[in-house]
Amino acid sequence: MLTVKHILVRTDFSGPSAVAFAYGRELANRFGSTLHVLHVAQSDSPYSFVPSKRGSEDSDHWVNTEDDARRQLEALVLDPDDTAPATVTAVVSATSPGLAIVEYAKAHRVDAIVMGTHGRGGVTRLLMGSVAELVVRLAPCPVLAVKSPERSSAIPPSSASTVRA
């Protein structure tokens, strides 16, 4: 039998992440799994075209960013009607969100990853990279990539029952 004890949802607080969160929460409820919700605060990339400023101002900026992310995560996972699964939140800072997601999944023995994707292609994908593609290639477990609602007719499972033909 398939055992899914830990499901990881990556969020960057975008539309696709909100859809992925809905999927992850529903899957965790159905499997009786613990839901891990991860935000990666992206620090300067070694490949950045914009020079970074260093010093106390810069480190204060990241502290504020991580604190803001923690507040947003807590608001995201609020469960006013006690229907949510057991949930763990985490904020990490990394130059590569994809690698941070994979490392978190390995460290916490995650059984499945759910993440949103913007569905970018062509030059945009070449310049910006694809976090979802990297995670799919390197993850130690299955990955469900959920397309952005603007680019897909996908409906989160929790919304499916409210849609009428």
Protein backbone atom coordinates (compact mmCIF):
# COMPACT_ATOMS: atom_id res chain seq x y z
CA MET A 1 0.00 0.00 0.00
CA LEU A 2 1.14 3.53 -0.78
CA THR A 3 2.11 5.41 2.38
CA VAL A 4 2.31 9.18 2.23
CA LYS A 5 3.17 10.51 5.68
CA HIS A 6 4.75 13.84 4.73
CA ILE A 7 3.67 16.17 1.91
CA LEU A 8 5.68 19.28 1.11
CA VAL A 9 4.10 22.34 -0.49
CA ARG A 10 6.43 25.08 -1.66
CA THR A 11 4.96 28.57 -1.62
CA ASP A 12 6.19 31.88 -2.96
CA PHE A 13 2.75 33.41 -2.17
CA SER A 14 1.83 33.63 -5.88
CA GLY A 15 -1.35 32.46 -7.61
CA PRO A 16 0.14 29.12 -8.67
CA SER A 17 1.39 28.58 -5.09
CA ALA A 18 -2.12 29.17 -3.73
CA VAL A 19 -3.48 26.50 -6.07
CA ALA A 20 -0.65 24.12 -5.09
CA PHE A 21 -1.40 24.78 -1.41
CA ALA A 22 -5.06 23.84 -1.94
CA TYR A 23 -3.98 20.58 -3.61
CA GLY A 24 -1.41 19.81 -0.93
CA ARG A 25 -3.82 20.47 1.91
CA GLU A 26 -6.49 18.27 0.34
CA LEU A 27 -4.01 15.45 -0.30
CA ALA A 28 -2.70 15.66 3.27
CA ASN A 29 -6.27 15.48 4.59
CA ARG A 30 -7.08 12.46 2.43
CA PHE A 31 -3.89 10.57 3.30
CA GLY A 32 -3.80 11.67 6.96
CA SER A 33 -0.37 13.17 6.26
CA THR A 34 1.60 15.96 7.84
CA LEU A 35 1.66 19.00 5.56
CA HIS A 36 4.98 20.85 5.35
CA VAL A 37 4.66 24.37 3.91
CA LEU A 38 8.00 25.83 2.82
CA HIS A 39 8.95 29.30 1.65
CA VAL A 40 12.42 29.90 0.25
CA ALA A 41 13.61 33.48 0.65
CA GLN A 42 15.93 33.81 -2.30
CA SER A 43 19.23 35.41 -1.42
CA ASP A 44 21.58 36.87 -4.03
CA SER A 45 22.31 34.56 -6.90
CA PRO A 46 25.90 34.11 -8.00
CA TYR A 47 24.54 34.64 -11.54
CA SER A 48 22.67 37.86 -10.77
CA PHE A 49 22.95 40.66 -13.31
CA VAL A 50 22.36 43.26 -10.59
CA PRO A 51 25.21 43.89 -8.15
CA SER A 52 24.19 43.35 -4.57
CA LYS A 53 24.84 45.70 -1.69
CA ARG A 54 26.40 44.13 1.36
CA GLY A 55 26.45 45.26 4.93
CA SER A 56 24.10 45.65 7.85
CA GLU A 57 21.33 47.17 5.70
CA ASP A 58 21.35 44.09 3.48
CA SER A 59 21.20 41.63 6.36
CA ASP A 60 18.39 43.65 7.99
CA HIS A 61 16.53 43.41 4.68
CA TRP A 62 16.72 39.60 4.73
CA VAL A 63 15.65 39.39 8.36
CA ASN A 64 12.60 41.52 7.54
CA THR A 65 11.90 39.42 4.45
CA GLU A 66 12.09 36.17 6.42
CA ASP A 67 9.95 37.63 9.23
CA ASP A 68 7.38 38.79 6.68
CA ALA A 69 7.42 35.33 5.09
CA ARG A 70 6.82 33.69 8.46
CA ARG A 71 3.83 35.97 9.08
CA GLN A 72 2.42 35.21 5.62
CA LEU A 73 2.92 31.46 6.20
CA GLU A 74 1.08 31.61 9.51
CA ALA A 75 -1.80 33.46 7.83
CA LEU A 76 -1.83 30.94 4.96
CA VAL A 77 -2.10 27.89 7.21
CA LEU A 78 -4.69 29.35 9.59
CA ASP A 79 -7.39 26.79 10.22
CA PRO A 80 -10.50 28.49 11.58
CA ASP A 81 -12.74 25.43 11.15
CA ASP A 82 -10.27 22.76 12.36
CA THR A 83 -10.29 20.84 9.07
CA ALA A 84 -6.62 21.20 8.17
CA PRO A 85 -4.06 18.43 8.55
CA ALA A 86 -1.15 18.63 10.98
CA THR A 87 0.99 21.40 9.50
CA VAL A 88 4.64 22.41 9.79
CA THR A 89 5.87 25.72 8.37
CA ALA A 90 9.42 26.65 7.45
CA VAL A 91 11.27 29.58 5.92
CA VAL A 92 14.77 29.06 4.57
CA SER A 93 17.12 31.42 2.78
CA ALA A 94 19.03 30.10 -0.23
CA THR A 95 20.51 31.20 -3.54
CA SER A 96 18.71 28.35 -5.31
CA PRO A 97 15.06 27.78 -4.33
CA GLY A 98 15.01 24.47 -6.22
CA LEU A 99 17.99 23.04 -4.36
CA ALA A 100 16.61 24.27 -1.03
CA ILE A 101 13.31 22.49 -1.70
CA VAL A 102 15.10 19.24 -2.58
CA GLU A 103 17.32 19.47 0.52
CA TYR A 104 14.31 20.11 2.76
CA ALA A 105 12.50 17.12 1.22
CA LYS A 106 15.49 14.86 1.86
CA ALA A 107 16.06 16.11 5.41
CA HIS A 108 12.40 15.67 6.40
CA ARG A 109 11.79 12.42 4.50
CA VAL A 110 9.03 13.95 2.42
CA ASP A 111 6.93 11.45 0.45
CA ALA A 112 5.53 13.89 -2.14
CA ILE A 113 6.08 17.51 -3.19
CA VAL A 114 3.32 19.76 -4.52
CA MET A 115 4.34 23.03 -6.13
CA GLY A 116 2.93 25.64 -8.42
CA THR A 117 4.46 26.49 -11.74
CA HIS A 118 4.04 29.63 -13.79
CA GLY A 119 4.30 27.62 -17.01
CA ARG A 120 6.89 29.91 -18.52
CA GLY A 121 8.66 28.87 -21.66
CA GLY A 122 11.18 30.05 -24.19
CA VAL A 123 13.51 32.90 -23.36
CA THR A 124 11.82 33.67 -20.03
CA ARG A 125 12.49 30.15 -18.82
CA LEU A 126 16.05 30.28 -20.15
CA LEU A 127 16.81 33.52 -18.30
CA MET A 128 14.90 32.83 -15.09
CA GLY A 129 15.24 29.07 -14.92
CA SER A 130 12.54 26.74 -13.75
CA VAL A 131 12.37 25.88 -10.08
CA ALA A 132 9.76 23.20 -10.76
CA GLU A 133 11.89 21.57 -13.46
CA LEU A 134 14.92 21.42 -11.16
CA VAL A 135 12.85 19.94 -8.33
CA VAL A 136 11.31 17.33 -10.63
CA ARG A 137 14.79 16.28 -11.79
CA LEU A 138 16.42 16.12 -8.34
CA ALA A 139 13.68 15.33 -5.82
CA PRO A 140 13.86 12.09 -3.84
CA CYS A 141 10.09 11.61 -4.23
CA PRO A 142 7.22 12.25 -6.68
CA VAL A 143 6.47 15.88 -7.56
CA LEU A 144 3.07 17.27 -8.52
CA ALA A 145 3.53 20.48 -10.52
CA VAL A 146 0.32 22.51 -10.55
CA LYS A 147 -0.12 25.01 -13.38
CA SER A 148 -1.09 28.59 -12.78
CA PRO A 149 -4.87 29.10 -12.82
CA GLU A 150 -4.49 31.68 -15.62
CA ARG A 151 -2.79 29.09 -17.83
CA SER A 152 -4.83 26.05 -16.95
CA SER A 153 -8.35 24.90 -16.40
CA ALA A 154 -7.19 22.92 -13.37
CA ILE A 155 -9.42 23.28 -10.33
CA PRO A 156 -8.07 22.64 -6.83
CA PRO A 157 -9.72 19.57 -5.29
CA SER A 158 -11.33 21.56 -2.49
CA SER A 159 -13.06 23.78 -5.07
CA ALA A 160 -14.22 20.97 -7.33
CA SER A 161 -17.35 20.26 -5.33
CA THR A 162 -18.50 23.89 -5.63
CA VAL A 163 -18.28 23.99 -9.45
CA ARG A 164 -21.55 23.35 -11.25
CA ALA A 165 -21.90 22.31 -14.88
